[in-house]
């Protein structure tokens, strides 16, 4: 895991500029409505990286909502903190396998461009499900399809094994965590999974 964290630490200062040029950001903005974030919600941004989603989520939840974002890479949290506006948003360094939050605290958990990097996916999903309120929604999303993401990661030794499970395996993982898949889309330039926490 140390090598993987180092991969993100050294790239953090340039990550947003490198990975989110204007055309990619347009695609992200087009994807955001599918997250179905509502005004007043409490949202957990899992593996926030340099905080790409934070300004969008702040706008979507409005002054009545709250956003907590975290990342395991310290340098990523430093970048994300630049987008944080307390008290309605907060950024912490944390591990998805042991979330520093109470159970049932969030209406929505969003894991954007991060899930393949988790070493223990059942444990990570169990923690994300624990953080959700009953009938809360988990969103896992990427701006690449499963196959496109696998090809993209193949060029980097530290993350070349970080791939998305196939649909059947993902459904099993969700069920084991007490989540029910209500939508799964895997298409060129887009991967979107939405799952509800079983009451």
N, C-alpha and C. Protein backbone atom coordinates (compact mmCIF):
# COMPACT_ATOMS: atom_id res chain seq x y z
N UNK A 1 0.83 -1.22 0.00
CA UNK A 1 0.00 0.00 0.00
C UNK A 1 0.86 1.27 0.00
N UNK A 2 2.04 1.18 0.67
CA UNK A 2 2.90 2.36 0.76
C UNK A 2 3.29 2.87 -0.62
N UNK A 3 3.64 1.94 -1.53
CA UNK A 3 4.02 2.36 -2.87
C UNK A 3 2.89 3.06 -3.59
N UNK A 4 1.66 2.57 -3.37
CA UNK A 4 0.51 3.17 -4.02
C UNK A 4 0.25 4.57 -3.48
N UNK A 5 0.35 4.71 -2.16
CA UNK A 5 0.15 6.04 -1.56
C UNK A 5 1.20 7.01 -2.08
N UNK A 6 2.44 6.55 -2.16
CA UNK A 6 3.51 7.39 -2.69
C UNK A 6 3.21 7.84 -4.12
N UNK A 7 2.61 6.95 -4.91
CA UNK A 7 2.23 7.27 -6.28
C UNK A 7 1.36 8.53 -6.31
N UNK A 8 0.41 8.62 -5.38
CA UNK A 8 -0.50 9.76 -5.32
C UNK A 8 0.14 10.97 -4.63
N UNK A 9 0.97 10.71 -3.63
CA UNK A 9 1.61 11.82 -2.91
C UNK A 9 2.43 12.70 -3.85
N UNK A 10 3.25 12.08 -4.67
CA UNK A 10 4.15 12.85 -5.52
C UNK A 10 3.41 13.57 -6.65
N UNK A 11 2.25 13.05 -7.02
CA UNK A 11 1.50 13.63 -8.13
C UNK A 11 0.44 14.64 -7.68
N UNK A 12 0.22 14.75 -6.38
CA UNK A 12 -0.88 15.57 -5.87
C UNK A 12 -0.86 17.02 -6.36
N UNK A 13 0.27 17.73 -6.29
CA UNK A 13 0.24 19.16 -6.68
C UNK A 13 -0.18 19.40 -8.12
N UNK A 14 0.09 18.44 -9.01
CA UNK A 14 -0.23 18.64 -10.43
C UNK A 14 -1.42 17.80 -10.89
N UNK A 15 -2.03 17.04 -9.98
CA UNK A 15 -3.07 16.08 -10.37
C UNK A 15 -4.24 16.75 -11.08
N UNK A 16 -4.75 17.82 -10.50
CA UNK A 16 -5.94 18.45 -11.07
C UNK A 16 -5.65 19.02 -12.46
N UNK A 17 -4.53 19.70 -12.61
CA UNK A 17 -4.19 20.29 -13.90
C UNK A 17 -3.95 19.22 -14.95
N UNK A 18 -3.30 18.12 -14.55
CA UNK A 18 -2.97 17.06 -15.49
C UNK A 18 -4.19 16.23 -15.88
N UNK A 19 -5.00 15.88 -14.87
CA UNK A 19 -6.09 14.92 -15.10
C UNK A 19 -7.43 15.57 -15.43
N UNK A 20 -7.56 16.86 -15.16
CA UNK A 20 -8.86 17.52 -15.37
C UNK A 20 -8.73 18.79 -16.21
N UNK A 21 -8.24 18.65 -17.44
CA UNK A 21 -8.24 19.80 -18.36
C UNK A 21 -9.69 20.15 -18.69
N UNK A 22 -9.92 21.26 -19.38
CA UNK A 22 -11.30 21.74 -19.61
C UNK A 22 -12.25 20.70 -20.21
N UNK A 23 -11.79 19.90 -21.16
CA UNK A 23 -12.71 18.94 -21.78
C UNK A 23 -13.14 17.84 -20.81
N UNK A 24 -12.21 17.41 -19.94
CA UNK A 24 -12.55 16.39 -18.95
C UNK A 24 -13.47 16.98 -17.89
N UNK A 25 -13.21 18.21 -17.52
CA UNK A 25 -14.07 18.86 -16.52
C UNK A 25 -15.50 19.02 -17.06
N UNK A 26 -15.63 19.29 -18.33
CA UNK A 26 -16.97 19.36 -18.93
C UNK A 26 -17.69 18.03 -18.81
N UNK A 27 -16.97 16.94 -19.02
CA UNK A 27 -17.58 15.61 -18.90
C UNK A 27 -17.96 15.32 -17.45
N UNK A 28 -17.14 15.77 -16.51
CA UNK A 28 -17.48 15.61 -15.10
C UNK A 28 -18.74 16.39 -14.76
N UNK A 29 -18.82 17.61 -15.21
CA UNK A 29 -20.00 18.44 -14.93
C UNK A 29 -21.26 17.84 -15.53
N UNK A 30 -21.12 17.16 -16.66
CA UNK A 30 -22.26 16.49 -17.28
C UNK A 30 -22.70 15.26 -16.49
N UNK A 31 -21.76 14.66 -15.77
CA UNK A 31 -22.06 13.46 -14.97
C UNK A 31 -22.70 13.79 -13.63
N UNK A 32 -22.41 14.97 -13.10
CA UNK A 32 -22.84 15.31 -11.74
C UNK A 32 -24.34 15.15 -11.47
N UNK A 33 -25.24 15.52 -12.38
CA UNK A 33 -26.66 15.35 -12.08
C UNK A 33 -27.04 13.90 -11.77
N UNK A 34 -26.30 12.95 -12.33
CA UNK A 34 -26.59 11.54 -12.08
C UNK A 34 -26.29 11.13 -10.64
N UNK A 35 -25.51 11.94 -9.92
CA UNK A 35 -25.24 11.64 -8.51
C UNK A 35 -26.48 11.91 -7.64
N UNK A 36 -27.40 12.71 -8.16
CA UNK A 36 -28.67 13.01 -7.49
C UNK A 36 -28.48 13.61 -6.09
N UNK A 37 -27.47 14.44 -5.94
CA UNK A 37 -27.25 15.13 -4.66
C UNK A 37 -28.30 16.22 -4.50
N UNK A 38 -28.93 16.27 -3.34
CA UNK A 38 -29.99 17.24 -3.09
C UNK A 38 -29.56 18.28 -2.06
N UNK A 39 -30.19 19.41 -2.15
CA UNK A 39 -29.95 20.50 -1.20
C UNK A 39 -30.23 20.01 0.22
N UNK A 40 -29.34 20.35 1.14
CA UNK A 40 -29.53 19.98 2.54
C UNK A 40 -28.95 18.63 2.92
N UNK A 41 -28.43 17.86 1.94
CA UNK A 41 -27.89 16.54 2.26
C UNK A 41 -26.53 16.64 2.95
N UNK A 42 -26.20 15.58 3.66
CA UNK A 42 -24.87 15.41 4.24
C UNK A 42 -24.16 14.37 3.39
N UNK A 43 -23.03 14.77 2.78
CA UNK A 43 -22.37 13.94 1.77
C UNK A 43 -20.93 13.63 2.19
N UNK A 44 -20.53 12.37 1.99
CA UNK A 44 -19.16 11.95 2.23
C UNK A 44 -18.48 11.75 0.88
N UNK A 45 -17.38 12.45 0.66
CA UNK A 45 -16.60 12.38 -0.57
C UNK A 45 -15.40 11.47 -0.30
N UNK A 46 -15.49 10.24 -0.76
CA UNK A 46 -14.51 9.19 -0.45
C UNK A 46 -13.35 9.23 -1.44
N UNK A 47 -12.11 9.31 -0.92
CA UNK A 47 -10.95 9.37 -1.79
C UNK A 47 -10.99 10.62 -2.65
N UNK A 48 -11.13 11.76 -1.99
CA UNK A 48 -11.36 13.03 -2.68
C UNK A 48 -10.22 13.47 -3.58
N UNK A 49 -9.01 12.91 -3.38
CA UNK A 49 -7.86 13.39 -4.16
C UNK A 49 -7.63 14.85 -3.85
N UNK A 50 -7.40 15.68 -4.84
CA UNK A 50 -7.19 17.11 -4.59
C UNK A 50 -8.49 17.89 -4.42
N UNK A 51 -9.59 17.17 -4.18
CA UNK A 51 -10.86 17.85 -3.91
C UNK A 51 -11.62 18.27 -5.14
N UNK A 52 -11.48 17.53 -6.21
CA UNK A 52 -12.14 17.87 -7.47
C UNK A 52 -13.64 18.12 -7.27
N UNK A 53 -14.29 17.25 -6.51
CA UNK A 53 -15.74 17.34 -6.36
C UNK A 53 -16.20 18.38 -5.35
N UNK A 54 -15.33 18.81 -4.46
CA UNK A 54 -15.76 19.63 -3.33
C UNK A 54 -16.54 20.88 -3.75
N UNK A 55 -16.05 21.71 -4.68
CA UNK A 55 -16.83 22.91 -5.04
C UNK A 55 -18.21 22.57 -5.61
N UNK A 56 -18.28 21.50 -6.40
CA UNK A 56 -19.56 21.09 -6.96
C UNK A 56 -20.52 20.61 -5.86
N UNK A 57 -19.99 19.79 -4.95
CA UNK A 57 -20.84 19.27 -3.88
C UNK A 57 -21.31 20.38 -2.95
N UNK A 58 -20.44 21.33 -2.67
CA UNK A 58 -20.85 22.46 -1.83
C UNK A 58 -22.03 23.19 -2.45
N UNK A 59 -21.95 23.39 -3.75
CA UNK A 59 -23.02 24.10 -4.45
C UNK A 59 -24.32 23.27 -4.44
N UNK A 60 -24.19 21.96 -4.62
CA UNK A 60 -25.37 21.10 -4.69
C UNK A 60 -26.08 20.97 -3.34
N UNK A 61 -25.32 20.85 -2.25
CA UNK A 61 -25.97 20.68 -0.93
C UNK A 61 -26.45 22.01 -0.37
N UNK A 62 -25.89 23.11 -0.85
CA UNK A 62 -26.31 24.43 -0.39
C UNK A 62 -25.89 24.72 1.04
N UNK A 63 -26.37 25.82 1.54
CA UNK A 63 -25.97 26.25 2.89
C UNK A 63 -26.53 25.36 3.98
N UNK A 64 -27.56 24.57 3.65
CA UNK A 64 -28.16 23.69 4.65
C UNK A 64 -27.45 22.34 4.74
N UNK A 65 -26.64 22.01 3.75
CA UNK A 65 -25.99 20.71 3.72
C UNK A 65 -24.56 20.75 4.22
N UNK A 66 -23.96 19.56 4.29
CA UNK A 66 -22.57 19.43 4.74
C UNK A 66 -21.82 18.45 3.85
N UNK A 67 -20.53 18.70 3.67
CA UNK A 67 -19.67 17.82 2.89
C UNK A 67 -18.43 17.50 3.71
N UNK A 68 -18.16 16.21 3.88
CA UNK A 68 -16.91 15.77 4.49
C UNK A 68 -16.13 15.02 3.42
N UNK A 69 -14.90 15.43 3.17
CA UNK A 69 -14.06 14.79 2.16
C UNK A 69 -12.81 14.25 2.83
N UNK A 70 -12.32 13.12 2.32
CA UNK A 70 -11.09 12.59 2.90
C UNK A 70 -10.28 11.87 1.84
N UNK A 71 -9.00 11.72 2.14
CA UNK A 71 -8.10 10.96 1.28
C UNK A 71 -6.99 10.39 2.17
N UNK A 72 -6.40 9.29 1.73
CA UNK A 72 -5.32 8.68 2.49
C UNK A 72 -3.98 9.38 2.25
N UNK A 73 -3.83 9.97 1.06
CA UNK A 73 -2.58 10.66 0.72
C UNK A 73 -2.58 12.06 1.33
N UNK A 74 -1.61 12.33 2.17
CA UNK A 74 -1.55 13.62 2.86
C UNK A 74 -1.48 14.78 1.87
N UNK A 75 -0.66 14.66 0.84
CA UNK A 75 -0.50 15.75 -0.13
C UNK A 75 -1.81 16.03 -0.86
N UNK A 76 -2.63 15.01 -1.06
CA UNK A 76 -3.94 15.22 -1.69
C UNK A 76 -4.85 16.03 -0.76
N UNK A 77 -4.82 15.72 0.54
CA UNK A 77 -5.67 16.48 1.46
C UNK A 77 -5.23 17.94 1.53
N UNK A 78 -3.94 18.18 1.40
CA UNK A 78 -3.44 19.56 1.38
C UNK A 78 -4.06 20.33 0.22
N UNK A 79 -4.12 19.69 -0.95
CA UNK A 79 -4.74 20.33 -2.11
C UNK A 79 -6.24 20.50 -1.90
N UNK A 80 -6.88 19.47 -1.36
CA UNK A 80 -8.33 19.52 -1.15
C UNK A 80 -8.72 20.60 -0.15
N UNK A 81 -7.89 20.82 0.85
CA UNK A 81 -8.19 21.84 1.86
C UNK A 81 -8.31 23.24 1.25
N UNK A 82 -7.68 23.46 0.11
CA UNK A 82 -7.76 24.76 -0.55
C UNK A 82 -9.18 25.05 -1.04
N UNK A 83 -9.99 24.00 -1.16
CA UNK A 83 -11.36 24.15 -1.65
C UNK A 83 -12.38 24.07 -0.51
N UNK A 84 -11.88 23.91 0.68
CA UNK A 84 -12.75 23.71 1.85
C UNK A 84 -13.19 25.06 2.42
N UNK A 85 -14.49 25.18 2.69
CA UNK A 85 -15.03 26.39 3.31
C UNK A 85 -15.80 25.99 4.58
N UNK A 86 -15.12 26.01 5.75
CA UNK A 86 -15.80 25.63 6.99
C UNK A 86 -16.95 26.60 7.29
N UNK A 87 -17.95 26.20 8.07
CA UNK A 87 -18.08 24.90 8.72
C UNK A 87 -18.85 23.88 7.90
N UNK A 88 -19.31 24.24 6.71
CA UNK A 88 -20.15 23.32 5.94
C UNK A 88 -19.36 22.29 5.16
N UNK A 89 -18.05 22.50 5.02
CA UNK A 89 -17.19 21.50 4.38
C UNK A 89 -15.98 21.27 5.26
N UNK A 90 -15.48 20.02 5.24
CA UNK A 90 -14.29 19.67 6.00
C UNK A 90 -13.50 18.63 5.22
N UNK A 91 -12.19 18.65 5.38
CA UNK A 91 -11.31 17.68 4.74
C UNK A 91 -10.41 17.08 5.81
N UNK A 92 -10.29 15.75 5.80
CA UNK A 92 -9.42 15.07 6.76
C UNK A 92 -8.60 14.01 6.03
N UNK A 93 -7.49 13.63 6.64
CA UNK A 93 -6.73 12.49 6.13
C UNK A 93 -7.28 11.25 6.83
N UNK A 94 -7.73 10.28 6.06
CA UNK A 94 -8.33 9.09 6.64
C UNK A 94 -8.24 7.92 5.67
N UNK A 95 -8.46 6.73 6.21
CA UNK A 95 -8.42 5.49 5.45
C UNK A 95 -9.85 4.97 5.28
N UNK A 96 -10.24 4.65 4.07
CA UNK A 96 -11.60 4.17 3.81
C UNK A 96 -11.90 2.88 4.57
N UNK A 97 -10.85 2.15 4.94
CA UNK A 97 -11.06 0.89 5.65
C UNK A 97 -11.36 1.09 7.14
N UNK A 98 -11.26 2.33 7.61
CA UNK A 98 -11.56 2.65 9.01
C UNK A 98 -12.00 4.12 9.08
N UNK A 99 -13.21 4.39 8.64
CA UNK A 99 -13.68 5.77 8.54
C UNK A 99 -13.89 6.42 9.91
N UNK A 100 -13.41 7.65 10.05
CA UNK A 100 -13.56 8.36 11.33
C UNK A 100 -14.89 9.10 11.42
N UNK A 101 -15.98 8.35 11.34
CA UNK A 101 -17.30 8.98 11.41
C UNK A 101 -18.27 8.02 12.09
N UNK A 102 -19.33 8.59 12.62
CA UNK A 102 -20.32 7.74 13.28
C UNK A 102 -21.17 7.02 12.24
N UNK A 103 -21.76 5.92 12.64
CA UNK A 103 -22.61 5.15 11.75
C UNK A 103 -23.87 5.94 11.41
N UNK A 104 -24.31 5.78 10.16
CA UNK A 104 -25.55 6.42 9.73
C UNK A 104 -25.50 7.93 9.65
N UNK A 105 -24.32 8.48 9.39
CA UNK A 105 -24.16 9.94 9.42
C UNK A 105 -24.46 10.62 8.08
N UNK A 106 -24.48 9.87 6.97
CA UNK A 106 -24.52 10.51 5.66
C UNK A 106 -25.72 10.06 4.82
N UNK A 107 -26.29 11.02 4.11
CA UNK A 107 -27.35 10.73 3.15
C UNK A 107 -26.79 10.06 1.90
N UNK A 108 -25.57 10.47 1.55
CA UNK A 108 -24.98 10.01 0.29
C UNK A 108 -23.47 9.87 0.46
N UNK A 109 -22.93 8.77 -0.04
CA UNK A 109 -21.49 8.55 -0.06
C UNK A 109 -21.08 8.49 -1.53
N UNK A 110 -20.15 9.34 -1.92
CA UNK A 110 -19.71 9.40 -3.31
C UNK A 110 -18.24 9.00 -3.39
N UNK A 111 -18.00 8.00 -4.21
CA UNK A 111 -16.64 7.49 -4.42
C UNK A 111 -16.31 7.69 -5.89
N UNK A 112 -15.69 8.81 -6.18
CA UNK A 112 -15.39 9.17 -7.57
C UNK A 112 -13.92 8.92 -7.88
N UNK A 113 -13.67 8.09 -8.88
CA UNK A 113 -12.32 7.82 -9.37
C UNK A 113 -11.40 7.28 -8.29
N UNK A 114 -11.94 6.44 -7.39
CA UNK A 114 -11.12 5.95 -6.28
C UNK A 114 -11.29 4.47 -5.99
N UNK A 115 -12.46 3.89 -6.24
CA UNK A 115 -12.75 2.54 -5.76
C UNK A 115 -11.72 1.48 -6.17
N UNK A 116 -11.20 1.46 -7.39
CA UNK A 116 -10.24 0.41 -7.75
C UNK A 116 -8.96 0.42 -6.92
N UNK A 117 -8.67 1.54 -6.26
CA UNK A 117 -7.42 1.65 -5.51
C UNK A 117 -7.52 1.08 -4.09
N UNK A 118 -8.72 0.68 -3.65
CA UNK A 118 -8.87 0.17 -2.29
C UNK A 118 -8.38 -1.27 -2.21
N UNK A 119 -7.49 -1.55 -1.27
CA UNK A 119 -6.89 -2.88 -1.17
C UNK A 119 -7.87 -3.94 -0.66
N UNK A 120 -8.71 -3.58 0.29
CA UNK A 120 -9.68 -4.53 0.85
C UNK A 120 -11.07 -4.00 0.51
N UNK A 121 -11.58 -4.38 -0.63
CA UNK A 121 -12.85 -3.81 -1.09
C UNK A 121 -14.04 -4.19 -0.22
N UNK A 122 -14.15 -5.44 0.24
CA UNK A 122 -15.27 -5.74 1.15
C UNK A 122 -15.26 -4.88 2.40
N UNK A 123 -14.09 -4.67 2.97
CA UNK A 123 -14.00 -3.83 4.18
C UNK A 123 -14.32 -2.38 3.86
N UNK A 124 -13.81 -1.89 2.72
CA UNK A 124 -14.08 -0.51 2.32
C UNK A 124 -15.57 -0.30 2.11
N UNK A 125 -16.23 -1.25 1.44
CA UNK A 125 -17.67 -1.12 1.21
C UNK A 125 -18.45 -1.23 2.51
N UNK A 126 -18.00 -2.10 3.40
CA UNK A 126 -18.68 -2.22 4.70
C UNK A 126 -18.61 -0.90 5.46
N UNK A 127 -17.48 -0.22 5.38
CA UNK A 127 -17.33 1.06 6.06
C UNK A 127 -18.18 2.15 5.40
N UNK A 128 -18.21 2.16 4.07
CA UNK A 128 -19.04 3.15 3.39
C UNK A 128 -20.52 2.91 3.67
N UNK A 129 -20.91 1.64 3.72
CA UNK A 129 -22.30 1.32 4.04
C UNK A 129 -22.62 1.71 5.48
N UNK A 130 -21.68 1.48 6.39
CA UNK A 130 -21.89 1.86 7.79
C UNK A 130 -22.12 3.36 7.92
N UNK A 131 -21.41 4.13 7.12
CA UNK A 131 -21.52 5.59 7.19
C UNK A 131 -22.86 6.10 6.68
N UNK A 132 -23.54 5.31 5.86
CA UNK A 132 -24.80 5.74 5.26
C UNK A 132 -25.98 5.60 6.23
N UNK A 133 -26.91 6.51 6.07
CA UNK A 133 -28.20 6.37 6.75
C UNK A 133 -28.98 5.22 6.10
N UNK A 134 -29.95 4.64 6.80
CA UNK A 134 -30.81 3.65 6.16
C UNK A 134 -31.43 4.23 4.88
N UNK A 135 -31.35 3.46 3.81
CA UNK A 135 -31.82 3.86 2.49
C UNK A 135 -30.99 4.99 1.88
N UNK A 136 -29.83 5.28 2.47
CA UNK A 136 -28.90 6.22 1.87
C UNK A 136 -28.28 5.62 0.62
N UNK A 137 -27.65 6.46 -0.18
CA UNK A 137 -27.15 6.03 -1.49
C UNK A 137 -25.63 6.12 -1.60
N UNK A 138 -25.04 5.03 -2.09
CA UNK A 138 -23.62 5.01 -2.44
C UNK A 138 -23.49 5.18 -3.95
N UNK A 139 -22.62 6.10 -4.36
CA UNK A 139 -22.34 6.33 -5.78
C UNK A 139 -20.87 6.02 -6.05
N UNK A 140 -20.62 5.15 -7.00
CA UNK A 140 -19.26 4.87 -7.47
C UNK A 140 -19.22 5.30 -8.93
N UNK A 141 -18.30 6.19 -9.27
CA UNK A 141 -18.31 6.76 -10.62
C UNK A 141 -16.91 6.99 -11.15
N UNK A 142 -16.80 6.90 -12.47
CA UNK A 142 -15.55 7.18 -13.19
C UNK A 142 -15.90 7.82 -14.52
N UNK A 143 -14.95 8.54 -15.07
CA UNK A 143 -15.11 9.12 -16.41
C UNK A 143 -14.52 8.22 -17.48
N UNK A 144 -14.40 6.94 -17.15
CA UNK A 144 -13.95 5.91 -18.08
C UNK A 144 -14.79 4.67 -17.83
N UNK A 145 -14.94 3.84 -18.85
CA UNK A 145 -15.59 2.55 -18.65
C UNK A 145 -14.65 1.62 -17.88
N UNK A 146 -15.15 0.46 -17.49
CA UNK A 146 -14.31 -0.52 -16.79
C UNK A 146 -13.09 -0.88 -17.64
N UNK A 147 -13.30 -1.18 -18.92
CA UNK A 147 -12.19 -1.58 -19.79
C UNK A 147 -11.23 -0.41 -20.03
N UNK A 148 -11.78 0.78 -20.24
CA UNK A 148 -10.92 1.95 -20.45
C UNK A 148 -10.06 2.23 -19.23
N UNK A 149 -10.65 2.06 -18.05
CA UNK A 149 -9.90 2.30 -16.81
C UNK A 149 -8.78 1.27 -16.65
N UNK A 150 -9.07 0.02 -16.96
CA UNK A 150 -8.04 -1.02 -16.86
C UNK A 150 -6.86 -0.70 -17.78
N UNK A 151 -7.17 -0.26 -19.00
CA UNK A 151 -6.08 0.10 -19.93
C UNK A 151 -5.31 1.31 -19.43
N UNK A 152 -6.02 2.27 -18.87
CA UNK A 152 -5.37 3.48 -18.36
C UNK A 152 -4.41 3.15 -17.22
N UNK A 153 -4.85 2.32 -16.28
CA UNK A 153 -4.02 1.96 -15.13
C UNK A 153 -2.87 1.04 -15.52
N UNK A 154 -3.02 0.30 -16.62
CA UNK A 154 -1.99 -0.66 -17.02
C UNK A 154 -0.65 0.01 -17.29
N UNK A 155 -0.66 1.27 -17.59
CA UNK A 155 0.57 1.98 -17.89
C UNK A 155 1.34 2.46 -16.68
N UNK A 156 0.83 2.19 -15.47
CA UNK A 156 1.48 2.64 -14.25
C UNK A 156 1.66 1.46 -13.30
N UNK A 157 2.89 1.10 -13.02
CA UNK A 157 3.18 -0.10 -12.24
C UNK A 157 2.46 -0.13 -10.90
N UNK A 158 2.41 1.00 -10.21
CA UNK A 158 1.83 1.02 -8.86
C UNK A 158 0.33 0.79 -8.85
N UNK A 159 -0.34 1.06 -9.95
CA UNK A 159 -1.81 0.92 -9.96
C UNK A 159 -2.31 0.00 -11.07
N UNK A 160 -1.44 -0.75 -11.69
CA UNK A 160 -1.86 -1.54 -12.86
C UNK A 160 -2.85 -2.64 -12.50
N UNK A 161 -2.87 -3.06 -11.25
CA UNK A 161 -3.83 -4.10 -10.82
C UNK A 161 -5.13 -3.49 -10.29
N UNK A 162 -5.22 -2.19 -10.27
CA UNK A 162 -6.40 -1.51 -9.71
C UNK A 162 -7.48 -1.39 -10.79
N UNK A 163 -8.37 -2.37 -10.80
CA UNK A 163 -9.43 -2.42 -11.80
C UNK A 163 -10.79 -2.53 -11.11
N UNK A 164 -11.83 -2.23 -11.86
CA UNK A 164 -13.19 -2.39 -11.34
C UNK A 164 -13.63 -3.84 -11.51
N UNK A 165 -14.29 -4.42 -10.50
CA UNK A 165 -14.83 -5.78 -10.65
C UNK A 165 -15.90 -5.80 -11.74
N UNK A 166 -16.14 -6.99 -12.32
CA UNK A 166 -17.21 -7.08 -13.30
C UNK A 166 -18.56 -6.91 -12.59
N UNK A 167 -19.63 -6.81 -13.38
CA UNK A 167 -20.94 -6.49 -12.82
C UNK A 167 -21.39 -7.49 -11.75
N UNK A 168 -21.21 -8.78 -12.03
CA UNK A 168 -21.66 -9.80 -11.08
C UNK A 168 -20.87 -9.72 -9.78
N UNK A 169 -19.55 -9.54 -9.89
CA UNK A 169 -18.72 -9.44 -8.70
C UNK A 169 -19.06 -8.19 -7.90
N UNK A 170 -19.33 -7.10 -8.60
CA UNK A 170 -19.69 -5.86 -7.91
C UNK A 170 -21.01 -6.03 -7.17
N UNK A 171 -21.98 -6.66 -7.80
CA UNK A 171 -23.27 -6.89 -7.15
C UNK A 171 -23.11 -7.73 -5.89
N UNK A 172 -22.24 -8.75 -5.95
CA UNK A 172 -21.99 -9.59 -4.77
C UNK A 172 -21.34 -8.77 -3.65
N UNK A 173 -20.36 -7.96 -4.01
CA UNK A 173 -19.70 -7.12 -3.01
C UNK A 173 -20.70 -6.18 -2.33
N UNK A 174 -21.57 -5.60 -3.14
CA UNK A 174 -22.57 -4.68 -2.59
C UNK A 174 -23.51 -5.42 -1.64
N UNK A 175 -23.99 -6.58 -2.06
CA UNK A 175 -24.91 -7.34 -1.22
C UNK A 175 -24.27 -7.72 0.10
N UNK A 176 -23.01 -8.11 0.06
CA UNK A 176 -22.30 -8.49 1.29
C UNK A 176 -22.18 -7.31 2.25
N UNK A 177 -22.17 -6.09 1.70
CA UNK A 177 -22.06 -4.89 2.53
C UNK A 177 -23.42 -4.35 2.95
N UNK A 178 -24.49 -5.04 2.55
CA UNK A 178 -25.83 -4.56 2.89
C UNK A 178 -26.33 -3.48 1.97
N UNK A 179 -25.89 -3.53 0.72
CA UNK A 179 -26.28 -2.54 -0.28
C UNK A 179 -26.96 -3.24 -1.45
N UNK A 180 -27.90 -2.56 -2.06
CA UNK A 180 -28.63 -3.11 -3.20
C UNK A 180 -28.38 -2.22 -4.42
N UNK A 181 -27.84 -2.79 -5.49
CA UNK A 181 -27.56 -2.02 -6.70
C UNK A 181 -28.87 -1.65 -7.40
N UNK A 182 -29.08 -0.35 -7.56
CA UNK A 182 -30.29 0.09 -8.27
C UNK A 182 -29.96 0.58 -9.69
N UNK A 183 -28.69 0.86 -9.95
CA UNK A 183 -28.30 1.33 -11.29
C UNK A 183 -26.83 1.01 -11.50
N UNK A 184 -26.51 0.43 -12.66
CA UNK A 184 -25.11 0.19 -13.02
C UNK A 184 -24.97 0.45 -14.51
N UNK A 185 -24.14 1.40 -14.83
CA UNK A 185 -23.91 1.79 -16.23
C UNK A 185 -22.42 1.73 -16.52
N UNK A 186 -22.06 0.97 -17.54
CA UNK A 186 -20.66 0.83 -17.94
C UNK A 186 -20.60 1.05 -19.44
N UNK A 187 -20.20 2.26 -19.82
CA UNK A 187 -20.21 2.65 -21.23
C UNK A 187 -18.96 3.46 -21.53
N UNK A 188 -18.60 3.61 -22.80
CA UNK A 188 -17.42 4.43 -23.13
C UNK A 188 -17.49 5.81 -22.46
N UNK A 189 -16.45 6.14 -21.72
CA UNK A 189 -16.36 7.44 -21.07
C UNK A 189 -17.20 7.60 -19.83
N UNK A 190 -17.72 6.48 -19.29
CA UNK A 190 -18.62 6.61 -18.15
C UNK A 190 -18.83 5.28 -17.43
N UNK A 191 -18.62 5.30 -16.12
CA UNK A 191 -19.00 4.19 -15.26
C UNK A 191 -19.77 4.78 -14.08
N UNK A 192 -20.96 4.26 -13.84
CA UNK A 192 -21.79 4.81 -12.78
C UNK A 192 -22.54 3.68 -12.11
N UNK A 193 -22.33 3.55 -10.81
CA UNK A 193 -23.06 2.58 -10.00
C UNK A 193 -23.72 3.32 -8.86
N UNK A 194 -25.01 3.04 -8.64
CA UNK A 194 -25.72 3.60 -7.49
C UNK A 194 -26.34 2.45 -6.71
N UNK A 195 -26.10 2.43 -5.41
CA UNK A 195 -26.61 1.36 -4.57
C UNK A 195 -27.23 1.96 -3.32
N UNK A 196 -28.33 1.36 -2.88
CA UNK A 196 -29.03 1.84 -1.69
C UNK A 196 -28.73 0.94 -0.50
N UNK A 197 -28.61 1.55 0.67
CA UNK A 197 -28.41 0.78 1.89
C UNK A 197 -29.73 0.12 2.29
N UNK A 198 -29.65 -1.18 2.52
CA UNK A 198 -30.84 -1.92 2.92
C UNK A 198 -31.31 -1.43 4.28
N UNK A 199 -32.59 -1.09 4.42
CA UNK A 199 -33.09 -0.58 5.72
C UNK A 199 -32.91 -1.60 6.84
